[in-house]
Amino acid sequence: NNYLRKPGTHDTTGDFKIAMTIAHEISHQWFGNL
């Protein structure tokens, strides 16, 4: 997780955006660019 945000910071909105981006990219791997 240190690759995605600065250590010692906690931002739930930022964490949510990171999770959504990862889910979006994984969906591209599963379904392609529909």
N, C-alpha and C. Protein backbone atom coordinates (compact mmCIF):
# COMPACT_ATOMS: atom_id res chain seq x y z
N ASN A 1 0.81 -1.20 0.00
CA ASN A 1 0.00 0.00 0.00
C ASN A 1 0.86 1.26 0.00
N ASN A 2 2.11 1.15 0.38
CA ASN A 2 2.99 2.32 0.36
C ASN A 2 3.27 2.79 -1.06
N TYR A 3 3.04 1.96 -2.04
CA TYR A 3 3.22 2.38 -3.42
C TYR A 3 2.10 3.31 -3.87
N LEU A 4 0.94 3.21 -3.25
CA LEU A 4 -0.23 3.93 -3.70
C LEU A 4 -0.50 5.22 -2.94
N ARG A 5 -0.01 5.32 -1.72
CA ARG A 5 -0.20 6.56 -0.95
C ARG A 5 0.94 6.72 0.04
N LYS A 6 1.09 7.92 0.55
CA LYS A 6 2.18 8.22 1.47
C LYS A 6 1.99 7.51 2.80
N PRO A 7 3.05 6.94 3.36
CA PRO A 7 2.94 6.31 4.68
C PRO A 7 2.56 7.35 5.74
N GLY A 8 1.73 6.96 6.68
CA GLY A 8 1.34 7.84 7.76
C GLY A 8 0.14 8.71 7.46
N THR A 9 -0.37 8.65 6.24
CA THR A 9 -1.56 9.42 5.91
C THR A 9 -2.75 8.48 5.87
N HIS A 10 -3.91 8.99 6.21
CA HIS A 10 -5.12 8.17 6.16
C HIS A 10 -6.23 9.02 5.56
N ASP A 11 -6.67 8.60 4.39
CA ASP A 11 -7.72 9.32 3.69
C ASP A 11 -8.66 8.27 3.10
N THR A 12 -9.85 8.12 3.69
CA THR A 12 -10.76 7.08 3.22
C THR A 12 -11.25 7.36 1.81
N THR A 13 -11.38 8.63 1.43
CA THR A 13 -11.78 8.95 0.07
C THR A 13 -10.70 8.51 -0.91
N GLY A 14 -9.46 8.78 -0.58
CA GLY A 14 -8.35 8.35 -1.43
C GLY A 14 -8.27 6.84 -1.52
N ASP A 15 -8.47 6.16 -0.39
CA ASP A 15 -8.47 4.69 -0.39
C ASP A 15 -9.58 4.15 -1.28
N PHE A 16 -10.75 4.78 -1.23
CA PHE A 16 -11.87 4.34 -2.07
C PHE A 16 -11.54 4.53 -3.54
N LYS A 17 -10.93 5.66 -3.89
CA LYS A 17 -10.56 5.91 -5.29
C LYS A 17 -9.54 4.89 -5.78
N ILE A 18 -8.58 4.55 -4.93
CA ILE A 18 -7.58 3.53 -5.28
C ILE A 18 -8.27 2.19 -5.50
N ALA A 19 -9.17 1.81 -4.61
CA ALA A 19 -9.89 0.54 -4.74
C ALA A 19 -10.73 0.50 -6.01
N MET A 20 -11.39 1.60 -6.33
CA MET A 20 -12.22 1.65 -7.54
C MET A 20 -11.36 1.56 -8.80
N THR A 21 -10.21 2.21 -8.79
CA THR A 21 -9.31 2.14 -9.94
C THR A 21 -8.79 0.73 -10.15
N ILE A 22 -8.41 0.07 -9.06
CA ILE A 22 -7.93 -1.32 -9.16
C ILE A 22 -9.05 -2.22 -9.67
N ALA A 23 -10.27 -2.07 -9.15
CA ALA A 23 -11.40 -2.88 -9.60
C ALA A 23 -11.68 -2.63 -11.08
N HIS A 24 -11.58 -1.39 -11.51
CA HIS A 24 -11.81 -1.03 -12.91
C HIS A 24 -10.79 -1.72 -13.81
N GLU A 25 -9.53 -1.68 -13.43
CA GLU A 25 -8.48 -2.29 -14.24
C GLU A 25 -8.60 -3.81 -14.26
N ILE A 26 -8.99 -4.42 -13.14
CA ILE A 26 -9.20 -5.87 -13.11
C ILE A 26 -10.37 -6.25 -14.01
N SER A 27 -11.41 -5.42 -14.06
CA SER A 27 -12.53 -5.72 -14.95
C SER A 27 -12.09 -5.70 -16.41
N HIS A 28 -11.15 -4.83 -16.76
CA HIS A 28 -10.60 -4.84 -18.13
C HIS A 28 -9.89 -6.16 -18.41
N GLN A 29 -9.19 -6.71 -17.43
CA GLN A 29 -8.50 -7.98 -17.63
C GLN A 29 -9.51 -9.12 -17.84
N TRP A 30 -10.63 -9.08 -17.12
CA TRP A 30 -11.61 -10.16 -17.22
C TRP A 30 -12.46 -10.04 -18.48
N PHE A 31 -12.92 -8.83 -18.80
CA PHE A 31 -13.91 -8.65 -19.85
C PHE A 31 -13.37 -7.97 -21.10
N GLY A 32 -12.18 -7.44 -21.06
CA GLY A 32 -11.65 -6.68 -22.19
C GLY A 32 -12.23 -5.28 -22.19
N ASN A 33 -11.96 -4.55 -23.25
CA ASN A 33 -12.45 -3.17 -23.36
C ASN A 33 -13.80 -3.16 -24.06
N LEU A 34 -14.86 -3.40 -23.29
CA LEU A 34 -16.21 -3.44 -23.86
C LEU A 34 -16.76 -2.05 -24.07
